[in-house]
């Protein structure tokens, strides 16, 4: 259900039918139009209702899943929408103040009763577009990128955590071995996902410092 027919396609005026939506408190709201909402090239929500008295748009997860054969899942911080026919994730939304906002280029939101539609581009999406800069860079560009309060929420980038890790350099060793077996280097690797015939899952590598034999 949405507040305006301007974002719908295949719109039909049904105001003369005097159909209403009932609320738990006993009140009712008039339905003026019915149409389809094309969210993107992969997702179309059919038979959407236009209720001008509303101030927000409501999306039925059951109807979205039924009309498009999608899987919709939620966890503490993300919403996942997966196309079951193509076996791929078509949309991902992130949680902000209890609501899940879509972080994609064409994710739009209604910002007023006049049905002014604006594109929402989150701080996370800009962070990825600009090559994973530091938060201080995005703070400087906040005005130019038109980042709103929803876009400035704290987030943890898994890519940055893995790619920007640093470690202290190893000190140069002045030790020089003079014969075989005087110094060996050992390294244990594992556990491996496939066990050997004898049931082992670890590898032990031994390198002789003098001969470099493994």
N, C-alpha and C. Protein backbone atom coordinates (compact mmCIF):
# COMPACT_ATOMS: atom_id res chain seq x y z
N UNK A 1 0.85 -1.18 0.00
CA UNK A 1 0.00 0.00 0.00
C UNK A 1 0.88 1.24 0.00
N UNK A 2 0.53 2.22 -0.82
CA UNK A 2 1.31 3.43 -0.93
C UNK A 2 0.38 4.64 -0.95
N UNK A 3 0.97 5.83 -0.90
CA UNK A 3 0.16 7.04 -0.76
C UNK A 3 -0.14 7.72 -2.09
N UNK A 4 0.49 7.28 -3.18
CA UNK A 4 0.30 7.95 -4.46
C UNK A 4 0.38 6.95 -5.61
N UNK A 5 -0.36 7.24 -6.68
CA UNK A 5 -0.34 6.38 -7.87
C UNK A 5 0.80 6.74 -8.82
N UNK A 6 1.54 7.81 -8.53
CA UNK A 6 2.57 8.27 -9.46
C UNK A 6 3.74 7.29 -9.58
N UNK A 7 3.95 6.47 -8.56
CA UNK A 7 5.07 5.53 -8.62
C UNK A 7 4.64 4.16 -9.13
N UNK A 8 3.36 4.02 -9.54
CA UNK A 8 2.83 2.75 -10.00
C UNK A 8 2.68 2.73 -11.52
N UNK A 9 2.59 1.54 -12.09
CA UNK A 9 2.30 1.36 -13.50
C UNK A 9 1.01 0.55 -13.61
N UNK A 10 0.38 0.61 -14.79
CA UNK A 10 -0.88 -0.11 -15.03
C UNK A 10 -1.93 0.28 -13.98
N UNK A 11 -2.07 1.58 -13.75
CA UNK A 11 -2.94 2.08 -12.69
C UNK A 11 -4.40 2.06 -13.15
N UNK A 12 -5.28 1.62 -12.26
CA UNK A 12 -6.72 1.60 -12.51
C UNK A 12 -7.41 2.37 -11.39
N UNK A 13 -8.28 3.30 -11.76
CA UNK A 13 -9.03 4.09 -10.79
C UNK A 13 -10.22 3.27 -10.28
N UNK A 14 -10.24 3.00 -8.98
CA UNK A 14 -11.34 2.22 -8.39
C UNK A 14 -12.04 3.02 -7.28
N UNK A 15 -11.87 4.34 -7.31
CA UNK A 15 -12.44 5.17 -6.25
C UNK A 15 -13.97 5.06 -6.20
N UNK A 16 -14.61 4.78 -7.37
CA UNK A 16 -16.07 4.68 -7.40
C UNK A 16 -16.58 3.41 -6.73
N UNK A 17 -15.67 2.46 -6.44
CA UNK A 17 -16.09 1.22 -5.78
C UNK A 17 -16.18 1.37 -4.26
N UNK A 18 -15.60 2.49 -3.75
CA UNK A 18 -15.65 2.79 -2.31
C UNK A 18 -15.05 1.65 -1.47
N UNK A 19 -13.95 1.08 -1.94
CA UNK A 19 -13.25 0.05 -1.17
C UNK A 19 -12.39 0.70 -0.10
N UNK A 20 -12.29 0.05 1.05
CA UNK A 20 -11.53 0.62 2.16
C UNK A 20 -10.59 -0.41 2.76
N UNK A 21 -9.62 0.10 3.51
CA UNK A 21 -8.71 -0.73 4.29
C UNK A 21 -9.07 -0.57 5.76
N UNK A 22 -9.30 -1.69 6.43
CA UNK A 22 -9.64 -1.65 7.84
C UNK A 22 -8.41 -1.67 8.73
N UNK A 23 -8.47 -0.98 9.86
CA UNK A 23 -7.37 -0.89 10.81
C UNK A 23 -7.74 -1.56 12.13
N UNK A 24 -6.76 -1.99 12.91
CA UNK A 24 -7.05 -2.66 14.17
C UNK A 24 -7.86 -1.82 15.16
N UNK A 25 -7.78 -0.47 15.05
CA UNK A 25 -8.52 0.38 15.97
C UNK A 25 -9.95 0.66 15.50
N UNK A 26 -10.36 0.00 14.40
CA UNK A 26 -11.73 0.16 13.92
C UNK A 26 -11.93 1.21 12.85
N UNK A 27 -10.90 2.02 12.56
CA UNK A 27 -11.03 3.04 11.52
C UNK A 27 -10.80 2.43 10.14
N UNK A 28 -11.14 3.19 9.12
CA UNK A 28 -10.99 2.72 7.75
C UNK A 28 -10.41 3.84 6.88
N UNK A 29 -9.70 3.44 5.80
CA UNK A 29 -9.12 4.40 4.86
C UNK A 29 -9.54 4.00 3.45
N UNK A 30 -9.85 4.97 2.63
CA UNK A 30 -10.36 4.72 1.28
C UNK A 30 -9.24 4.36 0.31
N UNK A 31 -9.49 3.34 -0.53
CA UNK A 31 -8.56 2.95 -1.60
C UNK A 31 -9.02 3.64 -2.88
N UNK A 32 -8.14 4.41 -3.51
CA UNK A 32 -8.52 5.16 -4.70
C UNK A 32 -8.05 4.51 -6.00
N UNK A 33 -6.91 3.83 -5.96
CA UNK A 33 -6.37 3.24 -7.19
C UNK A 33 -5.72 1.90 -6.87
N UNK A 34 -5.49 1.14 -7.93
CA UNK A 34 -4.75 -0.11 -7.82
C UNK A 34 -3.79 -0.18 -9.01
N UNK A 35 -2.59 -0.69 -8.78
CA UNK A 35 -1.59 -0.76 -9.85
C UNK A 35 -0.42 -1.62 -9.45
N UNK A 36 0.58 -1.69 -10.34
CA UNK A 36 1.77 -2.50 -10.11
C UNK A 36 2.96 -1.59 -9.79
N UNK A 37 3.81 -2.07 -8.89
CA UNK A 37 5.01 -1.33 -8.51
C UNK A 37 6.23 -2.08 -9.00
N UNK A 38 6.97 -1.49 -9.95
CA UNK A 38 8.18 -2.11 -10.49
C UNK A 38 9.35 -1.61 -9.65
N UNK A 39 9.82 -2.45 -8.75
CA UNK A 39 10.90 -2.06 -7.85
C UNK A 39 12.22 -2.01 -8.60
N UNK A 40 12.51 -3.01 -9.41
CA UNK A 40 13.66 -2.99 -10.33
C UNK A 40 13.36 -3.98 -11.46
N UNK A 41 14.36 -4.29 -12.27
CA UNK A 41 14.14 -5.18 -13.41
C UNK A 41 13.76 -6.60 -13.00
N UNK A 42 14.08 -6.96 -11.76
CA UNK A 42 13.82 -8.32 -11.31
C UNK A 42 12.56 -8.44 -10.46
N UNK A 43 12.13 -7.35 -9.85
CA UNK A 43 11.06 -7.43 -8.86
C UNK A 43 9.91 -6.52 -9.26
N UNK A 44 8.72 -7.07 -9.38
CA UNK A 44 7.49 -6.30 -9.60
C UNK A 44 6.46 -6.74 -8.57
N UNK A 45 5.87 -5.78 -7.89
CA UNK A 45 4.83 -6.07 -6.91
C UNK A 45 3.49 -5.73 -7.54
N UNK A 46 2.63 -6.74 -7.68
CA UNK A 46 1.37 -6.58 -8.40
C UNK A 46 0.23 -6.18 -7.45
N UNK A 47 -0.74 -5.47 -8.02
CA UNK A 47 -1.96 -5.10 -7.29
C UNK A 47 -1.68 -4.30 -6.03
N UNK A 48 -0.85 -3.28 -6.17
CA UNK A 48 -0.60 -2.38 -5.05
C UNK A 48 -1.77 -1.43 -4.86
N UNK A 49 -2.08 -1.11 -3.63
CA UNK A 49 -3.23 -0.26 -3.31
C UNK A 49 -2.76 1.16 -3.00
N UNK A 50 -3.48 2.14 -3.52
CA UNK A 50 -3.19 3.56 -3.26
C UNK A 50 -4.15 4.04 -2.18
N UNK A 51 -3.58 4.46 -1.04
CA UNK A 51 -4.37 4.95 0.09
C UNK A 51 -3.85 6.35 0.43
N UNK A 52 -4.47 7.41 -0.11
CA UNK A 52 -3.95 8.77 0.09
C UNK A 52 -3.89 9.22 1.54
N UNK A 53 -4.68 8.61 2.42
CA UNK A 53 -4.68 9.03 3.82
C UNK A 53 -3.43 8.58 4.56
N UNK A 54 -2.68 7.63 3.99
CA UNK A 54 -1.48 7.14 4.66
C UNK A 54 -0.34 8.15 4.52
N UNK A 55 0.60 8.08 5.44
CA UNK A 55 1.81 8.91 5.37
C UNK A 55 3.06 8.07 5.09
N UNK A 56 2.91 6.76 5.07
CA UNK A 56 4.03 5.87 4.78
C UNK A 56 3.55 4.81 3.80
N UNK A 57 4.51 4.12 3.19
CA UNK A 57 4.18 2.99 2.31
C UNK A 57 4.44 1.69 3.06
N UNK A 58 3.57 0.71 2.87
CA UNK A 58 3.68 -0.58 3.55
C UNK A 58 3.90 -1.67 2.51
N UNK A 59 4.87 -2.54 2.78
CA UNK A 59 5.23 -3.61 1.85
C UNK A 59 4.95 -4.96 2.51
N UNK A 60 4.18 -5.80 1.83
CA UNK A 60 3.87 -7.13 2.34
C UNK A 60 4.97 -8.11 1.90
N UNK A 61 5.68 -8.67 2.88
CA UNK A 61 6.73 -9.63 2.57
C UNK A 61 6.13 -10.89 1.94
N UNK A 62 4.97 -11.31 2.42
CA UNK A 62 4.33 -12.50 1.86
C UNK A 62 3.96 -12.28 0.39
N UNK A 63 3.38 -11.14 0.07
CA UNK A 63 2.98 -10.85 -1.31
C UNK A 63 4.21 -10.70 -2.20
N UNK A 64 5.26 -10.06 -1.69
CA UNK A 64 6.49 -9.91 -2.46
C UNK A 64 7.08 -11.28 -2.79
N UNK A 65 7.10 -12.18 -1.82
CA UNK A 65 7.64 -13.52 -2.04
C UNK A 65 6.78 -14.32 -2.98
N UNK A 66 5.44 -14.20 -2.85
CA UNK A 66 4.53 -14.99 -3.67
C UNK A 66 4.54 -14.55 -5.13
N UNK A 67 4.53 -13.23 -5.37
CA UNK A 67 4.45 -12.72 -6.74
C UNK A 67 5.73 -12.94 -7.53
N UNK A 68 6.86 -12.97 -6.87
CA UNK A 68 8.14 -13.00 -7.58
C UNK A 68 9.00 -14.22 -7.28
N UNK A 69 8.47 -15.16 -6.49
CA UNK A 69 9.23 -16.37 -6.13
C UNK A 69 10.56 -15.97 -5.49
N UNK A 70 10.47 -15.19 -4.44
CA UNK A 70 11.66 -14.68 -3.77
C UNK A 70 11.76 -15.24 -2.36
N UNK A 71 12.98 -15.28 -1.86
CA UNK A 71 13.21 -15.56 -0.44
C UNK A 71 13.59 -14.26 0.24
N UNK A 72 12.90 -13.91 1.31
CA UNK A 72 13.18 -12.70 2.06
C UNK A 72 13.62 -13.11 3.46
N UNK A 73 14.81 -12.69 3.84
CA UNK A 73 15.34 -13.04 5.16
C UNK A 73 15.85 -11.82 5.90
N UNK A 74 15.79 -11.90 7.22
CA UNK A 74 16.23 -10.79 8.06
C UNK A 74 17.17 -11.31 9.14
N UNK A 75 18.17 -10.52 9.47
CA UNK A 75 18.93 -10.75 10.68
C UNK A 75 19.01 -9.43 11.45
N UNK A 76 19.88 -9.33 12.40
CA UNK A 76 19.92 -8.16 13.27
C UNK A 76 20.22 -6.87 12.51
N UNK A 77 21.00 -6.96 11.44
CA UNK A 77 21.44 -5.73 10.78
C UNK A 77 21.17 -5.70 9.27
N UNK A 78 20.69 -6.78 8.66
CA UNK A 78 20.52 -6.81 7.21
C UNK A 78 19.22 -7.47 6.81
N UNK A 79 18.76 -7.12 5.61
CA UNK A 79 17.62 -7.77 4.97
C UNK A 79 18.11 -8.31 3.62
N UNK A 80 17.80 -9.57 3.34
CA UNK A 80 18.26 -10.21 2.12
C UNK A 80 17.05 -10.63 1.28
N UNK A 81 17.10 -10.32 -0.02
CA UNK A 81 16.07 -10.76 -0.95
C UNK A 81 16.75 -11.57 -2.04
N UNK A 82 16.37 -12.82 -2.15
CA UNK A 82 17.03 -13.74 -3.07
C UNK A 82 16.04 -14.25 -4.10
N UNK A 83 16.44 -14.21 -5.36
CA UNK A 83 15.65 -14.74 -6.46
C UNK A 83 15.84 -16.26 -6.49
N UNK A 84 14.79 -16.99 -6.15
CA UNK A 84 14.89 -18.44 -6.07
C UNK A 84 15.06 -19.08 -7.44
N UNK A 85 14.51 -18.46 -8.50
CA UNK A 85 14.62 -19.04 -9.84
C UNK A 85 16.04 -18.87 -10.39
N UNK A 86 16.63 -17.68 -10.19
CA UNK A 86 17.98 -17.44 -10.68
C UNK A 86 19.04 -17.78 -9.66
N UNK A 87 18.63 -18.09 -8.43
CA UNK A 87 19.54 -18.46 -7.35
C UNK A 87 20.59 -17.38 -7.12
N UNK A 88 20.13 -16.13 -6.98
CA UNK A 88 21.05 -15.04 -6.70
C UNK A 88 20.35 -13.99 -5.86
N UNK A 89 21.15 -13.27 -5.11
CA UNK A 89 20.63 -12.20 -4.28
C UNK A 89 20.43 -10.95 -5.12
N UNK A 90 19.21 -10.43 -5.15
CA UNK A 90 18.90 -9.29 -6.01
C UNK A 90 18.87 -7.97 -5.24
N UNK A 91 18.69 -8.02 -3.91
CA UNK A 91 18.70 -6.81 -3.12
C UNK A 91 19.15 -7.09 -1.71
N UNK A 92 19.84 -6.11 -1.14
CA UNK A 92 20.25 -6.21 0.25
C UNK A 92 19.95 -4.88 0.92
N UNK A 93 19.28 -4.92 2.05
CA UNK A 93 18.99 -3.71 2.81
C UNK A 93 19.65 -3.77 4.17
N UNK A 94 19.95 -2.62 4.71
CA UNK A 94 20.59 -2.54 6.03
C UNK A 94 19.65 -1.89 7.03
N UNK A 95 19.73 -2.34 8.27
CA UNK A 95 18.86 -1.86 9.33
C UNK A 95 19.29 -0.49 9.84
N UNK A 96 18.32 0.40 10.02
CA UNK A 96 18.58 1.71 10.61
C UNK A 96 17.38 2.10 11.47
N UNK A 97 17.62 2.21 12.77
CA UNK A 97 16.57 2.59 13.72
C UNK A 97 15.33 1.69 13.61
N UNK A 98 15.56 0.39 13.44
CA UNK A 98 14.44 -0.54 13.38
C UNK A 98 13.82 -0.73 12.02
N UNK A 99 14.27 0.03 11.01
CA UNK A 99 13.76 -0.11 9.64
C UNK A 99 14.87 -0.62 8.74
N UNK A 100 14.50 -1.35 7.70
CA UNK A 100 15.47 -1.87 6.74
C UNK A 100 15.42 -1.04 5.47
N UNK A 101 16.53 -0.37 5.16
CA UNK A 101 16.62 0.50 3.99
C UNK A 101 17.46 -0.18 2.92
N UNK A 102 17.01 -0.12 1.66
CA UNK A 102 17.73 -0.74 0.56
C UNK A 102 18.92 0.10 0.17
N UNK A 103 20.11 -0.52 0.08
CA UNK A 103 21.33 0.17 -0.31
C UNK A 103 21.66 -0.13 -1.77
N UNK A 104 20.82 0.35 -2.68
CA UNK A 104 21.05 0.16 -4.11
C UNK A 104 20.79 1.47 -4.82
N UNK A 105 21.26 1.57 -6.06
CA UNK A 105 21.18 2.83 -6.78
C UNK A 105 19.75 3.31 -6.96
N UNK A 106 18.83 2.39 -7.28
CA UNK A 106 17.48 2.81 -7.59
C UNK A 106 16.51 2.56 -6.45
N UNK A 107 17.03 2.44 -5.23
CA UNK A 107 16.13 2.30 -4.08
C UNK A 107 15.56 3.66 -3.76
N UNK A 108 14.24 3.79 -3.83
CA UNK A 108 13.60 5.09 -3.66
C UNK A 108 12.69 5.09 -2.44
N UNK A 109 12.46 6.25 -1.92
CA UNK A 109 11.58 6.38 -0.76
C UNK A 109 10.67 7.57 -0.96
N UNK A 110 9.47 7.51 -0.43
CA UNK A 110 8.52 8.62 -0.49
C UNK A 110 8.77 9.51 0.72
N UNK A 111 9.02 10.78 0.49
CA UNK A 111 9.42 11.66 1.58
C UNK A 111 8.32 12.59 2.03
N UNK A 112 7.17 12.60 1.37
CA UNK A 112 6.09 13.48 1.80
C UNK A 112 4.78 12.96 1.25
N UNK A 113 3.68 13.56 1.71
CA UNK A 113 2.36 13.17 1.22
C UNK A 113 2.14 13.58 -0.23
N UNK A 114 2.99 14.48 -0.76
CA UNK A 114 2.88 14.92 -2.14
C UNK A 114 3.55 13.96 -3.11
N UNK A 115 4.03 12.84 -2.58
CA UNK A 115 4.62 11.78 -3.41
C UNK A 115 5.87 12.24 -4.14
N UNK A 116 6.70 13.01 -3.48
CA UNK A 116 8.00 13.37 -4.05
C UNK A 116 8.94 12.20 -3.80
N UNK A 117 9.46 11.64 -4.88
CA UNK A 117 10.30 10.45 -4.76
C UNK A 117 11.76 10.83 -4.94
N UNK A 118 12.60 10.42 -4.00
CA UNK A 118 14.02 10.72 -4.07
C UNK A 118 14.80 9.43 -3.95
N UNK A 119 15.95 9.39 -4.58
CA UNK A 119 16.79 8.21 -4.50
C UNK A 119 17.64 8.25 -3.24
N UNK A 120 17.69 7.15 -2.52
CA UNK A 120 18.46 7.03 -1.29
C UNK A 120 19.75 6.28 -1.58
N UNK A 121 20.87 6.95 -1.45
CA UNK A 121 22.18 6.33 -1.61
C UNK A 121 22.88 6.42 -0.27
N UNK A 122 23.16 5.30 0.33
CA UNK A 122 23.67 5.27 1.69
C UNK A 122 25.16 5.56 1.74
N UNK A 123 25.61 5.83 2.96
CA UNK A 123 27.03 6.06 3.19
C UNK A 123 27.84 4.81 2.84
N UNK A 124 27.27 3.64 3.11
CA UNK A 124 27.97 2.39 2.81
C UNK A 124 28.19 2.23 1.31
N UNK A 125 27.16 2.58 0.51
CA UNK A 125 27.29 2.46 -0.94
C UNK A 125 28.32 3.45 -1.47
N UNK A 126 28.32 4.69 -0.96
CA UNK A 126 29.33 5.66 -1.38
C UNK A 126 30.72 5.19 -0.95
N UNK A 127 30.82 4.59 0.22
CA UNK A 127 32.09 4.06 0.71
C UNK A 127 32.65 3.02 -0.27
N UNK A 128 31.78 2.18 -0.82
CA UNK A 128 32.21 1.17 -1.78
C UNK A 128 32.53 1.79 -3.13
N UNK A 129 31.72 2.75 -3.57
CA UNK A 129 31.95 3.40 -4.88
C UNK A 129 33.29 4.12 -4.93
N UNK A 130 33.66 4.77 -3.84
CA UNK A 130 34.87 5.61 -3.81
C UNK A 130 36.12 4.83 -3.42
N UNK A 131 36.02 3.51 -3.40
CA UNK A 131 37.22 2.72 -3.14
C UNK A 131 37.55 2.56 -1.69
N UNK A 132 36.53 2.52 -0.82
CA UNK A 132 36.70 2.27 0.60
C UNK A 132 37.59 3.30 1.31
N UNK A 133 37.24 4.60 1.19
CA UNK A 133 38.01 5.60 1.93
C UNK A 133 37.66 5.58 3.41
N UNK A 134 38.45 6.32 4.20
CA UNK A 134 38.19 6.43 5.63
C UNK A 134 36.93 7.26 5.87
N UNK A 135 36.33 7.10 7.05
CA UNK A 135 35.10 7.83 7.37
C UNK A 135 35.32 9.34 7.34
N UNK A 136 36.54 9.79 7.65
CA UNK A 136 36.81 11.22 7.64
C UNK A 136 36.65 11.81 6.24
N UNK A 137 36.95 11.01 5.20
CA UNK A 137 36.81 11.49 3.82
C UNK A 137 35.34 11.68 3.49
N UNK A 138 34.50 10.73 3.89
CA UNK A 138 33.07 10.85 3.62
C UNK A 138 32.44 11.99 4.41
N UNK A 139 32.96 12.26 5.60
CA UNK A 139 32.44 13.39 6.37
C UNK A 139 32.70 14.71 5.65
N UNK A 140 33.87 14.81 4.98
CA UNK A 140 34.18 16.03 4.22
C UNK A 140 33.26 16.15 3.01
N UNK A 141 32.93 15.02 2.38
CA UNK A 141 32.12 15.02 1.16
C UNK A 141 30.62 14.90 1.45
N UNK A 142 30.23 14.96 2.72
CA UNK A 142 28.84 14.71 3.09
C UNK A 142 27.87 15.62 2.37
N UNK A 143 28.21 16.90 2.26
CA UNK A 143 27.31 17.84 1.60
C UNK A 143 27.25 17.59 0.10
N UNK A 144 28.41 17.36 -0.51
CA UNK A 144 28.46 17.14 -1.96
C UNK A 144 27.72 15.86 -2.37
N UNK A 145 27.80 14.83 -1.53
CA UNK A 145 27.16 13.55 -1.86
C UNK A 145 25.71 13.49 -1.39
N UNK A 146 25.26 14.54 -0.74
CA UNK A 146 23.87 14.61 -0.26
C UNK A 146 23.55 13.45 0.68
N UNK A 147 24.47 13.20 1.60
CA UNK A 147 24.24 12.15 2.58
C UNK A 147 23.31 12.67 3.66
N UNK A 148 22.23 11.94 3.93
CA UNK A 148 21.31 12.36 4.97
C UNK A 148 21.62 11.65 6.27
N UNK A 149 20.75 11.85 7.25
CA UNK A 149 21.00 11.26 8.57
C UNK A 149 20.98 9.75 8.53
N UNK A 150 20.21 9.16 7.60
CA UNK A 150 20.18 7.71 7.48
C UNK A 150 21.52 7.17 6.99
N UNK A 151 22.24 8.00 6.22
CA UNK A 151 23.46 7.52 5.57
C UNK A 151 24.68 7.65 6.45
N UNK A 152 24.57 8.35 7.57
CA UNK A 152 25.74 8.61 8.37
C UNK A 152 25.82 7.69 9.58
N UNK A 153 25.04 6.60 9.57
CA UNK A 153 25.10 5.66 10.68
C UNK A 153 26.42 4.90 10.65
N UNK A 154 26.87 4.51 11.83
CA UNK A 154 28.13 3.78 11.92
C UNK A 154 27.99 2.42 11.25
N UNK A 155 29.03 1.99 10.59
CA UNK A 155 29.00 0.70 9.95
C UNK A 155 30.40 0.12 9.95
N UNK A 156 30.48 -1.18 9.87
CA UNK A 156 31.75 -1.87 9.82
C UNK A 156 31.88 -2.50 8.45
N UNK A 157 32.96 -2.17 7.75
CA UNK A 157 33.20 -2.71 6.41
C UNK A 157 34.11 -3.92 6.53
N UNK A 158 33.59 -5.07 6.16
CA UNK A 158 34.36 -6.31 6.26
C UNK A 158 35.57 -6.28 5.34
N UNK A 159 35.41 -5.66 4.16
CA UNK A 159 36.54 -5.57 3.21
C UNK A 159 37.68 -4.75 3.79
N UNK A 160 37.34 -3.62 4.41
CA UNK A 160 38.38 -2.77 5.01
C UNK A 160 39.10 -3.49 6.14
N UNK A 161 38.33 -4.22 6.95
CA UNK A 161 38.96 -4.93 8.07
C UNK A 161 39.98 -5.95 7.59
N UNK A 162 39.69 -6.59 6.45
CA UNK A 162 40.60 -7.60 5.94
C UNK A 162 41.76 -7.01 5.14
N UNK A 163 41.48 -5.94 4.38
CA UNK A 163 42.49 -5.41 3.45
C UNK A 163 43.43 -4.40 4.10
N UNK A 164 43.00 -3.77 5.18
CA UNK A 164 43.81 -2.70 5.77
C UNK A 164 44.48 -3.10 7.08
N UNK A 165 44.54 -4.40 7.35
CA UNK A 165 45.23 -4.84 8.55
C UNK A 165 46.73 -4.61 8.41
N UNK A 166 47.36 -4.24 9.49
CA UNK A 166 48.81 -4.01 9.49
C UNK A 166 49.45 -4.86 10.58
N UNK A 167 50.73 -5.10 10.45
CA UNK A 167 51.48 -5.84 11.47
C UNK A 167 52.88 -5.26 11.57
N UNK A 168 53.47 -5.47 12.70
CA UNK A 168 54.83 -4.99 12.91
C UNK A 168 55.80 -5.80 12.04
N UNK A 169 56.85 -5.16 11.49
CA UNK A 169 57.80 -5.90 10.66
C UNK A 169 58.64 -6.87 11.49
N UNK A 170 59.04 -7.96 10.85
CA UNK A 170 59.93 -8.91 11.52
C UNK A 170 61.34 -8.33 11.62
N UNK A 171 61.95 -8.54 12.75
CA UNK A 171 63.33 -8.08 12.90
C UNK A 171 64.28 -8.96 12.08
N UNK A 172 65.29 -8.35 11.49
CA UNK A 172 66.27 -9.11 10.71
C UNK A 172 67.13 -9.94 11.64
N UNK A 173 67.31 -11.20 11.26
CA UNK A 173 68.11 -12.11 12.08
C UNK A 173 69.56 -12.09 11.59
N UNK A 174 70.49 -12.04 12.54
CA UNK A 174 71.92 -12.07 12.18
C UNK A 174 72.49 -13.48 12.34
N UNK A 175 71.59 -14.45 12.59
CA UNK A 175 72.07 -15.82 12.75
C UNK A 175 72.29 -16.47 11.39
N UNK A 176 73.42 -17.13 11.21
CA UNK A 176 73.73 -17.84 9.98
C UNK A 176 74.11 -19.26 10.34
N UNK A 177 73.32 -20.21 9.82
CA UNK A 177 73.63 -21.61 10.09
C UNK A 177 74.82 -22.06 9.25
N UNK A 178 75.61 -22.97 9.80
CA UNK A 178 76.84 -23.42 9.13
C UNK A 178 76.79 -24.86 8.66
N UNK A 179 75.74 -25.59 9.05
CA UNK A 179 75.66 -26.98 8.62
C UNK A 179 74.19 -27.42 8.65
N UNK A 180 73.98 -28.56 7.98
CA UNK A 180 72.63 -29.10 7.89
C UNK A 180 72.15 -29.54 9.28
N UNK A 181 70.91 -29.19 9.60
CA UNK A 181 70.32 -29.62 10.86
C UNK A 181 70.61 -28.70 12.03
N UNK A 182 71.45 -27.69 11.82
CA UNK A 182 71.75 -26.79 12.93
C UNK A 182 70.53 -25.94 13.30
N UNK A 183 69.75 -25.53 12.28
CA UNK A 183 68.55 -24.74 12.52
C UNK A 183 67.47 -25.18 11.54
N UNK A 184 66.30 -25.49 12.05
CA UNK A 184 65.18 -25.86 11.19
C UNK A 184 63.99 -24.96 11.52
N UNK A 185 63.18 -24.75 10.51
CA UNK A 185 61.96 -23.94 10.66
C UNK A 185 60.75 -24.86 10.53
N UNK A 186 59.81 -24.74 11.46
CA UNK A 186 58.63 -25.60 11.49
C UNK A 186 57.36 -24.76 11.32
N UNK A 187 56.41 -25.31 10.59
CA UNK A 187 55.14 -24.62 10.43
C UNK A 187 54.02 -25.67 10.34
N UNK A 188 52.98 -25.46 11.15
CA UNK A 188 51.82 -26.36 11.14
C UNK A 188 50.65 -25.63 10.50
N UNK A 189 50.02 -26.29 9.53
CA UNK A 189 48.88 -25.68 8.82
C UNK A 189 47.67 -26.60 8.92
N UNK A 190 46.49 -26.01 9.17
CA UNK A 190 45.27 -26.80 9.26
C UNK A 190 44.30 -26.17 10.24
N UNK A 191 43.17 -26.81 10.48
CA UNK A 191 42.76 -28.10 9.90
C UNK A 191 42.21 -27.94 8.49
N UNK A 192 42.50 -28.90 7.62
CA UNK A 192 41.99 -28.91 6.26
C UNK A 192 40.61 -29.56 6.25
N UNK A 193 39.76 -29.14 5.28
CA UNK A 193 38.38 -29.62 5.23
C UNK A 193 38.28 -31.09 4.83
N UNK A 194 39.33 -31.63 4.17
CA UNK A 194 39.34 -33.03 3.74
C UNK A 194 40.40 -33.77 4.54
N UNK A 195 40.02 -34.86 5.13
CA UNK A 195 40.98 -35.65 5.92
C UNK A 195 41.75 -36.60 5.02
N UNK A 196 42.93 -36.99 5.49
CA UNK A 196 43.73 -37.96 4.75
C UNK A 196 43.17 -39.37 4.98
N UNK A 197 43.77 -40.34 4.33
CA UNK A 197 43.30 -41.73 4.48
C UNK A 197 43.43 -42.20 5.92
N UNK A 198 44.42 -41.65 6.63
CA UNK A 198 44.63 -42.03 8.02
C UNK A 198 43.87 -41.13 8.99
N UNK A 199 43.04 -40.20 8.45
CA UNK A 199 42.23 -39.36 9.31
C UNK A 199 42.89 -38.08 9.78
N UNK A 200 44.03 -37.68 9.15
CA UNK A 200 44.74 -36.48 9.58
C UNK A 200 44.26 -35.26 8.79
N UNK A 201 44.32 -34.10 9.43
CA UNK A 201 43.83 -32.86 8.80
C UNK A 201 44.86 -31.73 8.88
N UNK A 202 46.05 -32.00 9.38
CA UNK A 202 47.08 -30.96 9.53
C UNK A 202 48.33 -31.33 8.72
N UNK A 203 49.04 -30.27 8.27
CA UNK A 203 50.30 -30.45 7.54
C UNK A 203 51.42 -29.86 8.39
N UNK A 204 52.51 -30.58 8.48
CA UNK A 204 53.70 -30.09 9.16
C UNK A 204 54.79 -29.88 8.12
N UNK A 205 55.26 -28.64 7.98
CA UNK A 205 56.32 -28.32 7.02
C UNK A 205 57.61 -28.06 7.79
N UNK A 206 58.70 -28.73 7.38
CA UNK A 206 60.01 -28.58 8.02
C UNK A 206 60.99 -28.09 6.97
N UNK A 207 61.65 -26.96 7.22
CA UNK A 207 62.60 -26.39 6.29
C UNK A 207 63.96 -26.29 6.98
N UNK A 208 64.99 -26.88 6.35
CA UNK A 208 66.36 -26.78 6.89
C UNK A 208 66.94 -25.43 6.49
N UNK A 209 67.43 -24.67 7.48
CA UNK A 209 67.88 -23.30 7.21
C UNK A 209 69.12 -23.28 6.33
N UNK A 210 70.02 -24.25 6.49
CA UNK A 210 71.26 -24.22 5.74
C UNK A 210 71.08 -24.66 4.29
N UNK A 211 70.39 -25.76 4.06
CA UNK A 211 70.24 -26.29 2.71
C UNK A 211 68.95 -25.83 2.04
N UNK A 212 68.05 -25.29 2.81
CA UNK A 212 66.71 -24.90 2.34
C UNK A 212 65.91 -26.08 1.84
N UNK A 213 66.31 -27.27 2.24
CA UNK A 213 65.55 -28.45 1.87
C UNK A 213 64.27 -28.50 2.70
N UNK A 214 63.17 -28.95 2.07
CA UNK A 214 61.85 -29.01 2.70
C UNK A 214 61.49 -30.48 2.93
